[in-house]
Amino acid sequence: MWGETLLKEMEARGIIVRAASKSGVAEEAGFAYKDLAAVVDVLHRLDISRRVASLTPIGNIKG
């Protein structure tokens, strides 16, 4: 079961997931997103934007 394995991996990293279905968890898994630090670095180096702060997320609610 892909969803069950993913839930266990995320919980091992300290990420608590509550979802209506386990199959829907894969859509929001970390690997589905780009590395934000890499994106910010490119934007900063190209003078498109300026890096001013680094934030650490503590929660995410989708609904």
Protein backbone atom coordinates (compact mmCIF):
# COMPACT_ATOMS: atom_id res chain seq x y z
CA MET A 1 0.00 0.00 0.00
CA TRP A 2 1.60 3.21 -1.24
CA GLY A 3 -0.37 5.51 1.06
CA GLU A 4 0.39 3.49 4.18
CA THR A 5 4.14 3.41 3.41
CA LEU A 6 4.17 7.14 2.75
CA LEU A 7 2.34 7.87 6.00
CA LYS A 8 4.89 5.83 7.97
CA GLU A 9 7.82 7.60 6.27
CA MET A 10 6.34 11.02 6.98
CA GLU A 11 5.58 10.19 10.61
CA ALA A 12 9.18 8.93 11.03
CA ARG A 13 10.30 12.43 9.97
CA GLY A 14 8.02 14.03 12.57
CA ILE A 15 5.27 14.94 10.10
CA ILE A 16 1.78 14.19 11.39
CA VAL A 17 -0.74 13.52 8.64
CA ARG A 18 -4.49 13.22 8.96
CA ALA A 19 -6.37 12.65 5.70
CA ALA A 20 -9.74 11.41 4.54
CA SER A 21 -8.01 8.73 2.44
CA LYS A 22 -4.52 7.28 2.36
CA SER A 23 -4.41 7.37 -1.43
CA GLY A 24 -4.85 11.15 -1.38
CA VAL A 25 -1.77 11.58 0.82
CA ALA A 26 0.61 10.96 -2.11
CA GLU A 27 -0.68 14.09 -3.87
CA GLU A 28 0.56 16.24 -1.00
CA ALA A 29 3.77 14.34 -0.22
CA GLY A 30 6.98 16.32 0.09
CA PHE A 31 8.48 14.96 -3.11
CA ALA A 32 5.59 16.50 -5.05
CA TYR A 33 7.03 19.97 -4.43
CA LYS A 34 10.21 21.76 -5.47
CA ASP A 35 12.96 22.50 -2.97
CA LEU A 36 11.98 25.99 -1.85
CA ALA A 37 15.54 26.94 -0.87
CA ALA A 38 16.73 26.14 -4.40
CA VAL A 39 13.93 28.20 -5.97
CA VAL A 40 14.63 31.18 -3.70
CA ASP A 41 18.36 30.92 -4.44
CA VAL A 42 17.76 31.09 -8.21
CA LEU A 43 15.41 34.07 -7.87
CA HIS A 44 17.93 35.84 -5.63
CA ARG A 45 20.89 35.21 -7.97
CA LEU A 46 18.92 36.43 -11.01
CA ASP A 47 17.89 39.61 -9.14
CA ILE A 48 14.22 38.76 -9.62
CA SER A 49 13.70 38.96 -5.88
CA ARG A 50 15.73 39.48 -2.74
CA ARG A 51 16.09 36.94 0.05
CA VAL A 52 15.11 38.61 3.31
CA ALA A 53 14.07 35.82 5.68
CA SER A 54 13.91 32.08 6.17
CA LEU A 55 10.72 30.59 7.58
CA THR A 56 10.03 27.15 9.00
CA PRO A 57 6.49 25.84 8.56
CA ILE A 58 4.85 24.42 11.65
CA GLY A 59 1.60 23.31 10.09
CA ASN A 60 -0.38 22.99 6.91
CA ILE A 61 -4.14 22.62 6.61
CA LYS A 62 -5.80 21.78 3.32
CA GLY A 63 -9.49 21.61 2.90
